């Protein structure tokens, strides 16, 4: 089953971890992506870009 990138959830969780949790922005984004099942923020963004470009989920990591 392909992972579904949720940009709103990603941004909200990263902001909370950065400002309330004291994480660096990079670490907060990685953690927010991991909460959605992605390896890191880079993989999350790759999946999101693929979805926005093609309108399909999955296939971005093939």
PDB file of N, CA and C in Angstrom:
ATOM      1  N   UNK A   1       0.851  -1.180   0.000  1.00  0.00           N
ATOM      2  CA  UNK A   1       0.000   0.000   0.000  1.00  0.00           C
ATOM      3  C   UNK A   1       0.897   1.244   0.000  1.00  0.00           C
ATOM      4  N   UNK A   2       0.658   2.160  -0.916  1.00  0.00           N
ATOM      5  CA  UNK A   2       1.505   3.366  -0.967  1.00  0.00           C
ATOM      6  C   UNK A   2       1.247   4.296   0.211  1.00  0.00           C
ATOM      7  N   UNK A   3       2.299   4.965   0.599  1.00  0.00           N
ATOM      8  CA  UNK A   3       2.170   5.973   1.657  1.00  0.00           C
ATOM      9  C   UNK A   3       1.496   7.213   1.076  1.00  0.00           C
ATOM     10  N   UNK A   4       0.687   7.874   1.875  1.00  0.00           N
ATOM     11  CA  UNK A   4      -0.027   9.068   1.437  1.00  0.00           C
ATOM     12  C   UNK A   4       0.558  10.276   2.161  1.00  0.00           C
ATOM     13  N   UNK A   5       1.258  11.160   1.437  1.00  0.00           N
ATOM     14  CA  UNK A   5       1.835  12.337   2.092  1.00  0.00           C
ATOM     15  C   UNK A   5       0.754  13.356   2.452  1.00  0.00           C
ATOM     16  N   UNK A   6       0.710  13.747   3.712  1.00  0.00           N
ATOM     17  CA  UNK A   6      -0.251  14.737   4.201  1.00  0.00           C
ATOM     18  C   UNK A   6       0.531  15.991   4.583  1.00  0.00           C
ATOM     19  N   UNK A   7       0.556  16.972   3.687  1.00  0.00           N
ATOM     20  CA  UNK A   7       1.377  18.170   3.879  1.00  0.00           C
ATOM     21  C   UNK A   7       0.921  18.988   5.082  1.00  0.00           C
ATOM     22  N   UNK A   8      -0.371  19.069   5.319  1.00  0.00           N
ATOM     23  CA  UNK A   8      -0.859  19.836   6.476  1.00  0.00           C
ATOM     24  C   UNK A   8      -0.377  19.223   7.784  1.00  0.00           C
ATOM     25  N   UNK A   9      -0.517  17.919   7.897  1.00  0.00           N
ATOM     26  CA  UNK A   9      -0.065  17.220   9.102  1.00  0.00           C
ATOM     27  C   UNK A   9       1.453  17.338   9.250  1.00  0.00           C
ATOM     28  N   UNK A  10       2.164  17.192   8.150  1.00  0.00           N
ATOM     29  CA  UNK A  10       3.626  17.308   8.156  1.00  0.00           C
ATOM     30  C   UNK A  10       4.071  18.673   8.682  1.00  0.00           C
ATOM     31  N   UNK A  11       3.516  19.732   8.130  1.00  0.00           N
ATOM     32  CA  UNK A  11       3.906  21.081   8.531  1.00  0.00           C
ATOM     33  C   UNK A  11       3.545  21.369   9.998  1.00  0.00           C
ATOM     34  N   UNK A  12       2.364  20.933  10.407  1.00  0.00           N
ATOM     35  CA  UNK A  12       1.935  21.179  11.780  1.00  0.00           C
ATOM     36  C   UNK A  12       2.826  20.435  12.775  1.00  0.00           C
ATOM     37  N   UNK A  13       3.065  19.153  12.528  1.00  0.00           N
ATOM     38  CA  UNK A  13       3.894  18.354  13.436  1.00  0.00           C
ATOM     39  C   UNK A  13       5.325  18.881  13.481  1.00  0.00           C
ATOM     40  N   UNK A  14       5.875  19.261  12.339  1.00  0.00           N
ATOM     41  CA  UNK A  14       7.241  19.788  12.309  1.00  0.00           C
ATOM     42  C   UNK A  14       7.326  21.090  13.110  1.00  0.00           C
ATOM     43  N   UNK A  15       6.355  21.957  12.957  1.00  0.00           N
ATOM     44  CA  UNK A  15       6.359  23.229  13.688  1.00  0.00           C
ATOM     45  C   UNK A  15       6.272  23.002  15.190  1.00  0.00           C
ATOM     46  N   UNK A  16       5.413  22.088  15.597  1.00  0.00           N
ATOM     47  CA  UNK A  16       5.274  21.795  17.023  1.00  0.00           C
ATOM     48  C   UNK A  16       6.590  21.257  17.583  1.00  0.00           C
ATOM     49  N   UNK A  17       7.187  20.316  16.871  1.00  0.00           N
ATOM     50  CA  UNK A  17       8.446  19.739  17.354  1.00  0.00           C
ATOM     51  C   UNK A  17       9.579  20.763  17.372  1.00  0.00           C
ATOM     52  N   UNK A  18       9.562  21.673  16.412  1.00  0.00           N
ATOM     53  CA  UNK A  18      10.608  22.697  16.363  1.00  0.00           C
ATOM     54  C   UNK A  18      10.440  23.709  17.496  1.00  0.00           C
ATOM     55  N   UNK A  19       9.259  24.261  17.633  1.00  0.00           N
ATOM     56  CA  UNK A  19       9.059  25.358  18.577  1.00  0.00           C
ATOM     57  C   UNK A  19       8.810  24.896  20.004  1.00  0.00           C
ATOM     58  N   UNK A  20       8.028  23.845  20.168  1.00  0.00           N
ATOM     59  CA  UNK A  20       7.743  23.358  21.519  1.00  0.00           C
ATOM     60  C   UNK A  20       8.746  22.302  21.982  1.00  0.00           C
ATOM     61  N   UNK A  21       9.276  21.530  21.020  1.00  0.00           N
ATOM     62  CA  UNK A  21      10.172  20.439  21.376  1.00  0.00           C
ATOM     63  C   UNK A  21      11.641  20.783  21.330  1.00  0.00           C
ATOM     64  N   UNK A  22      11.974  21.935  20.730  1.00  0.00           N
ATOM     65  CA  UNK A  22      13.360  22.360  20.675  1.00  0.00           C
ATOM     66  C   UNK A  22      14.205  21.660  19.617  1.00  0.00           C
ATOM     67  N   UNK A  23      13.572  20.953  18.687  1.00  0.00           N
ATOM     68  CA  UNK A  23      14.300  20.302  17.607  1.00  0.00           C
ATOM     69  C   UNK A  23      14.746  21.333  16.573  1.00  0.00           C
ATOM     70  N   UNK A  24      15.822  21.032  15.855  1.00  0.00           N
ATOM     71  CA  UNK A  24      16.175  21.855  14.692  1.00  0.00           C
ATOM     72  C   UNK A  24      15.072  21.653  13.647  1.00  0.00           C
ATOM     73  N   UNK A  25      14.953  22.577  12.716  1.00  0.00           N
ATOM     74  CA  UNK A  25      13.911  22.449  11.691  1.00  0.00           C
ATOM     75  C   UNK A  25      14.097  21.158  10.893  1.00  0.00           C
ATOM     76  N   UNK A  26      15.327  20.860  10.540  1.00  0.00           N
ATOM     77  CA  UNK A  26      15.625  19.658   9.760  1.00  0.00           C
ATOM     78  C   UNK A  26      15.214  18.395  10.513  1.00  0.00           C
ATOM     79  N   UNK A  27      15.575  18.312  11.779  1.00  0.00           N
ATOM     80  CA  UNK A  27      15.229  17.136  12.567  1.00  0.00           C
ATOM     81  C   UNK A  27      13.715  17.046  12.772  1.00  0.00           C
ATOM     82  N   UNK A  28      13.079  18.175  12.998  1.00  0.00           N
ATOM     83  CA  UNK A  28      11.625  18.192  13.182  1.00  0.00           C
ATOM     84  C   UNK A  28      10.917  17.701  11.917  1.00  0.00           C
ATOM     85  N   UNK A  29      11.392  18.125  10.750  1.00  0.00           N
ATOM     86  CA  UNK A  29      10.786  17.686   9.496  1.00  0.00           C
ATOM     87  C   UNK A  29      11.011  16.196   9.269  1.00  0.00           C
ATOM     88  N   UNK A  30      12.204  15.705   9.581  1.00  0.00           N
ATOM     89  CA  UNK A  30      12.452  14.266   9.456  1.00  0.00           C
ATOM     90  C   UNK A  30      11.516  13.483  10.360  1.00  0.00           C
ATOM     91  N   UNK A  31      11.363  13.911  11.591  1.00  0.00           N
ATOM     92  CA  UNK A  31      10.479  13.220  12.546  1.00  0.00           C
ATOM     93  C   UNK A  31       9.028  13.271  12.073  1.00  0.00           C
ATOM     94  N   UNK A  32       8.591  14.422  11.573  1.00  0.00           N
ATOM     95  CA  UNK A  32       7.212  14.543  11.085  1.00  0.00           C
ATOM     96  C   UNK A  32       6.974  13.600   9.905  1.00  0.00           C
ATOM     97  N   UNK A  33       7.956  13.480   9.031  1.00  0.00           N
ATOM     98  CA  UNK A  33       7.844  12.558   7.894  1.00  0.00           C
ATOM     99  C   UNK A  33       7.809  11.111   8.385  1.00  0.00           C
ATOM    100  N   UNK A  34       8.636  10.789   9.365  1.00  0.00           N
ATOM    101  CA  UNK A  34       8.670   9.434   9.912  1.00  0.00           C
ATOM    102  C   UNK A  34       7.345   9.062  10.562  1.00  0.00           C
ATOM    103  N   UNK A  35       6.667  10.022  11.156  1.00  0.00           N
ATOM    104  CA  UNK A  35       5.356   9.745  11.752  1.00  0.00           C
ATOM    105  C   UNK A  35       4.336   9.325  10.700  1.00  0.00           C
ATOM    106  N   UNK A  36       4.578   9.692   9.441  1.00  0.00           N
ATOM    107  CA  UNK A  36       3.682   9.294   8.359  1.00  0.00           C
ATOM    108  C   UNK A  36       4.187   8.040   7.640  1.00  0.00           C
ATOM    109  N   UNK A  37       5.304   7.484   8.123  1.00  0.00           N
ATOM    110  CA  UNK A  37       5.818   6.248   7.542  1.00  0.00           C
ATOM    111  C   UNK A  37       6.934   6.421   6.532  1.00  0.00           C
ATOM    112  N   UNK A  38       7.358   7.661   6.310  1.00  0.00           N
ATOM    113  CA  UNK A  38       8.442   7.919   5.372  1.00  0.00           C
ATOM    114  C   UNK A  38       9.789   7.822   6.082  1.00  0.00           C
ATOM    115  N   UNK A  39      10.850   7.573   5.336  1.00  0.00           N
ATOM    116  CA  UNK A  39      12.198   7.469   5.891  1.00  0.00           C
ATOM    117  C   UNK A  39      12.655   8.781   6.492  1.00  0.00           C
ATOM    118  N   UNK A  40      12.402   9.887   5.759  1.00  0.00           N
ATOM    119  CA  UNK A  40      12.822  11.222   6.190  1.00  0.00           C
ATOM    120  C   UNK A  40      12.061  12.263   5.385  1.00  0.00           C
ATOM    121  N   UNK A  41      12.380  13.540   5.626  1.00  0.00           N
ATOM    122  CA  UNK A  41      11.668  14.621   4.935  1.00  0.00           C
ATOM    123  C   UNK A  41      11.925  14.607   3.435  1.00  0.00           C
ATOM    124  N   UNK A  42      13.121  14.198   3.035  1.00  0.00           N
ATOM    125  CA  UNK A  42      13.431  14.145   1.599  1.00  0.00           C
ATOM    126  C   UNK A  42      12.528  13.138   0.891  1.00  0.00           C
ATOM    127  N   UNK A  43      12.332  11.972   1.482  1.00  0.00           N
ATOM    128  CA  UNK A  43      11.460  10.970   0.880  1.00  0.00           C
ATOM    129  C   UNK A  43      10.010  11.457   0.882  1.00  0.00           C
ATOM    130  N   UNK A  44       9.592  12.120   1.952  1.00  0.00           N
ATOM    131  CA  UNK A  44       8.246  12.685   2.012  1.00  0.00           C
ATOM    132  C   UNK A  44       8.036  13.659   0.854  1.00  0.00           C
ATOM    133  N   UNK A  45       8.989  14.570   0.660  1.00  0.00           N
ATOM    134  CA  UNK A  45       8.867  15.563  -0.413  1.00  0.00           C
ATOM    135  C   UNK A  45       8.878  14.924  -1.793  1.00  0.00           C
ATOM    136  N   UNK A  46       9.658  13.869  -1.958  1.00  0.00           N
ATOM    137  CA  UNK A  46       9.695  13.152  -3.229  1.00  0.00           C
ATOM    138  C   UNK A  46       8.328  12.541  -3.521  1.00  0.00           C
ATOM    139  N   UNK A  47       7.720  11.915  -2.514  1.00  0.00           N
ATOM    140  CA  UNK A  47       6.399  11.318  -2.686  1.00  0.00           C
ATOM    141  C   UNK A  47       5.349  12.384  -2.977  1.00  0.00           C
ATOM    142  N   UNK A  48       5.435  13.505  -2.288  1.00  0.00           N
ATOM    143  CA  UNK A  48       4.484  14.598  -2.506  1.00  0.00           C
ATOM    144  C   UNK A  48       4.630  15.175  -3.903  1.00  0.00           C
ATOM    145  N   UNK A  49       5.858  15.387  -4.350  1.00  0.00           N
ATOM    146  CA  UNK A  49       6.097  15.922  -5.696  1.00  0.00           C
ATOM    147  C   UNK A  49       5.570  14.962  -6.763  1.00  0.00           C
ATOM    148  N   UNK A  50       5.794  13.669  -6.563  1.00  0.00           N
ATOM    149  CA  UNK A  50       5.304  12.671  -7.522  1.00  0.00           C
ATOM    150  C   UNK A  50       3.783  12.735  -7.600  1.00  0.00           C
ATOM    151  N   UNK A  51       3.135  12.803  -6.444  1.00  0.00           N
ATOM    152  CA  UNK A  51       1.679  12.868  -6.416  1.00  0.00           C
ATOM    153  C   UNK A  51       1.171  14.135  -7.108  1.00  0.00           C
ATOM    154  N   UNK A  52       1.783  15.262  -6.816  1.00  0.00           N
ATOM    155  CA  UNK A  52       1.336  16.520  -7.423  1.00  0.00           C
ATOM    156  C   UNK A  52       1.559  16.533  -8.935  1.00  0.00           C
ATOM    157  N   UNK A  53       2.628  15.900  -9.364  1.00  0.00           N
ATOM    158  CA  UNK A  53       2.955  15.880 -10.795  1.00  0.00           C
ATOM    159  C   UNK A  53       2.084  14.892 -11.578  1.00  0.00           C
ATOM    160  N   UNK A  54       1.818  13.723 -10.979  1.00  0.00           N
ATOM    161  CA  UNK A  54       1.118  12.670 -11.708  1.00  0.00           C
ATOM    162  C   UNK A  54      -0.326  12.468 -11.286  1.00  0.00           C
ATOM    163  N   UNK A  55      -0.670  12.915 -10.068  1.00  0.00           N
ATOM    164  CA  UNK A  55      -2.004  12.667  -9.544  1.00  0.00           C
ATOM    165  C   UNK A  55      -2.177  11.249  -9.041  1.00  0.00           C
ATOM    166  N   UNK A  56      -1.045  10.516  -8.930  1.00  0.00           N
ATOM    167  CA  UNK A  56      -1.103   9.126  -8.467  1.00  0.00           C
ATOM    168  C   UNK A  56      -0.221   8.946  -7.247  1.00  0.00           C
ATOM    169  N   UNK A  57      -0.578   7.975  -6.429  1.00  0.00           N
ATOM    170  CA  UNK A  57       0.242   7.592  -5.282  1.00  0.00           C
ATOM    171  C   UNK A  57       1.103   6.405  -5.678  1.00  0.00           C
ATOM    172  N   UNK A  58       2.225   6.252  -5.021  1.00  0.00           N
ATOM    173  CA  UNK A  58       3.117   5.134  -5.304  1.00  0.00           C
ATOM    174  C   UNK A  58       3.888   5.346  -6.585  1.00  0.00           C
ATOM    175  N   UNK A  59       4.890   4.521  -6.803  1.00  0.00           N
ATOM    176  CA  UNK A  59       5.683   4.618  -8.018  1.00  0.00           C
ATOM    177  C   UNK A  59       6.831   5.604  -7.931  1.00  0.00           C
ATOM    178  N   UNK A  60       6.779   6.506  -6.973  1.00  0.00           N
ATOM    179  CA  UNK A  60       7.812   7.524  -6.848  1.00  0.00           C
ATOM    180  C   UNK A  60       9.141   6.953  -6.388  1.00  0.00           C
ATOM    181  N   UNK A  61       9.136   5.791  -5.741  1.00  0.00           N
ATOM    182  CA  UNK A  61      10.390   5.212  -5.250  1.00  0.00           C
ATOM    183  C   UNK A  61      10.816   3.999  -6.061  1.00  0.00           C
ATOM    184  N   UNK A  62      10.224   3.772  -7.203  1.00  0.00           N
ATOM    185  CA  UNK A  62      10.584   2.631  -8.057  1.00  0.00           C
ATOM    186  C   UNK A  62      11.907   2.895  -8.750  1.00  0.00           C
TER     187      UNK A  62
END
